[in-house]
Structure formats: C-alpha cells, structure tokens
Amino acid sequence: MISKTAKAKGAERLGFGFYFDTFAKGYKARPHLKAVAKIKAQMKEYTRRGWGVSNAYKIEKLNRLIRGWINYIKIGSMKGLCGRLGSQIRYRLRMCRVSDRDKSGKGI
C-alpha cells in the first residue's frame, strides 16, 4: 500500500499551504498561492468596469464571495493577506465608481 503522507513544508491540501513558524516552533496553515490567485481572479471578474450591472449588485456578489472564502480559510494565518486583499477591493470599487461618473457625464 502506498502512503499518502507528505512533509508539511511545500504541501498543499484543500487550498491550504503550510509553513514553519519559528516563534511558535511548529507548522501553521495559510492559504495556498493557488487559492489566493483564484480569489483575486474572481474579485477581478466581479469588479470589471465593463460588467453592465449596478455597483450595489457588484458589492453584493463580492460580499458573498469574501464571506464564503474567509469562513473556509479562517483557520489559516492570513492577517496580512486580508489587508492586501481589502485594499485591492477598495481600489477596484473606486475605479468602478469613477467609471460610472464618467459615463453619466457628471464628472468628479
């Protein structure tokens, strides 16, 4: 029978990657790079300027996506990642608002 075990460093299971925390002297989970890239791609899709839906609908879709992702990955270490994703979301939503103002002809 073949063993399915792997070393924690570099392993990826169910969207989690593992790293050695020198302060706690043990391995901890965090979102894997593939999972982070996937959530970024979905956020980018929901905040496209050319998507012809209201900003309220975009925010509703983003909230649903973020809540589900955070609730799934919450056991991992991701304080810094959440800050970076939050700033990226705010930037893209501001971009959508400016785009809407440009289309309406009211200016800034």
Protein backbone atom coordinates (compact mmCIF):
# COMPACT_ATOMS: atom_id res chain seq x y z
CA MET A 1 0.00 0.00 0.00
CA ILE A 2 1.31 3.46 -0.92
CA SER A 3 1.46 6.07 1.85
CA LYS A 4 -0.32 9.38 1.20
CA THR A 5 1.69 11.39 3.73
CA ALA A 6 3.86 14.32 2.76
CA LYS A 7 6.13 16.77 4.50
CA ALA A 8 4.25 19.85 5.68
CA LYS A 9 6.59 22.34 4.05
CA GLY A 10 5.58 22.82 0.43
CA ALA A 11 2.48 20.64 0.70
CA GLU A 12 -0.91 21.90 -0.44
CA ARG A 13 -4.16 20.40 0.83
CA LEU A 14 -7.69 21.77 0.26
CA GLY A 15 -6.46 25.26 -0.53
CA PHE A 16 -4.02 25.45 2.38
CA GLY A 17 -0.26 25.68 2.30
CA PHE A 18 1.90 25.11 5.35
CA TYR A 19 4.89 26.96 6.73
CA PHE A 20 7.13 26.65 9.77
CA ASP A 21 6.51 29.38 12.35
CA THR A 22 9.80 29.97 14.16
CA PHE A 23 8.13 31.85 17.02
CA ALA A 24 5.63 29.06 17.78
CA LYS A 25 8.17 26.39 16.74
CA GLY A 26 5.65 24.46 14.70
CA TYR A 27 3.89 24.28 11.37
CA LYS A 28 0.90 26.50 10.63
CA ALA A 29 -1.61 26.68 7.81
CA ARG A 30 -2.19 29.59 5.48
CA PRO A 31 -3.99 29.99 2.15
CA HIS A 32 -2.00 28.47 -0.69
CA LEU A 33 -0.80 30.73 -3.50
CA LYS A 34 -3.14 28.99 -5.97
CA ALA A 35 -6.14 29.69 -3.70
CA VAL A 36 -5.13 33.34 -3.36
CA ALA A 37 -4.72 33.67 -7.14
CA LYS A 38 -8.15 32.13 -7.63
CA ILE A 39 -9.89 34.55 -5.22
CA LYS A 40 -8.08 37.50 -6.85
CA ALA A 41 -9.27 36.39 -10.29
CA GLN A 42 -12.86 36.10 -9.04
CA MET A 43 -12.66 39.54 -7.41
CA LYS A 44 -11.32 40.99 -10.64
CA GLU A 45 -14.19 39.41 -12.57
CA TYR A 46 -16.78 40.88 -10.18
CA THR A 47 -15.25 44.39 -10.34
CA ARG A 48 -14.79 44.75 -14.08
CA ARG A 49 -15.76 48.16 -15.38
CA GLY A 50 -17.42 46.67 -18.45
CA TRP A 51 -19.78 44.43 -16.48
CA GLY A 52 -23.13 46.11 -17.03
CA VAL A 53 -24.64 45.72 -13.56
CA SER A 54 -25.13 48.18 -10.71
CA ASN A 55 -22.44 48.80 -8.14
CA ALA A 56 -24.82 47.54 -5.43
CA TYR A 57 -25.02 44.19 -7.21
CA LYS A 58 -21.23 44.07 -7.57
CA ILE A 59 -20.83 44.70 -3.83
CA GLU A 60 -23.42 42.03 -3.03
CA LYS A 61 -21.54 39.47 -5.14
CA LEU A 62 -18.20 40.48 -3.58
CA ASN A 63 -19.62 40.21 -0.06
CA ARG A 64 -20.89 36.71 -0.75
CA LEU A 65 -17.53 35.68 -2.25
CA ILE A 66 -15.46 37.16 0.57
CA ARG A 67 -17.62 35.79 3.37
CA GLY A 68 -17.52 32.30 1.95
CA TRP A 69 -13.77 32.41 1.38
CA ILE A 70 -12.97 33.86 4.82
CA ASN A 71 -15.19 31.31 6.57
CA TYR A 72 -13.45 28.47 4.74
CA ILE A 73 -9.88 29.70 5.20
CA LYS A 74 -10.29 31.24 8.69
CA ILE A 75 -8.13 28.66 10.44
CA GLY A 76 -5.08 29.81 8.48
CA SER A 77 -2.71 32.66 9.21
CA MET A 78 -3.87 35.44 6.92
CA LYS A 79 -3.84 38.80 8.69
CA GLY A 80 -1.51 40.43 6.15
CA LEU A 81 -3.28 38.79 3.22
CA CYS A 82 -6.68 40.14 4.29
CA GLY A 83 -5.26 43.66 4.47
CA ARG A 84 -3.80 43.40 0.96
CA LEU A 85 -6.99 41.91 -0.48
CA GLY A 86 -9.08 44.59 1.23
CA SER A 87 -7.01 47.39 -0.26
CA GLN A 88 -7.22 45.77 -3.69
CA ILE A 89 -11.02 45.52 -3.44
CA ARG A 90 -11.33 49.17 -2.34
CA TYR A 91 -9.14 50.27 -5.27
CA ARG A 92 -11.20 48.34 -7.82
CA LEU A 93 -14.52 49.59 -6.40
CA ARG A 94 -13.27 53.19 -6.56
CA MET A 95 -12.32 52.50 -10.18
CA CYS A 96 -15.91 51.33 -10.84
CA ARG A 97 -17.37 54.44 -9.21
CA VAL A 98 -15.21 56.78 -11.28
CA SER A 99 -16.14 54.84 -14.40
CA ASP A 100 -19.86 55.26 -13.60
CA ARG A 101 -19.41 59.01 -13.08
CA ASP A 102 -17.61 59.31 -16.40
CA LYS A 103 -20.46 57.55 -18.19
CA SER A 104 -23.14 59.72 -16.60
CA GLY A 105 -21.36 62.94 -17.67
CA LYS A 106 -21.39 64.50 -14.18
CA GLY A 107 -17.61 64.47 -13.77
CA ILE A 108 -15.81 64.19 -10.46
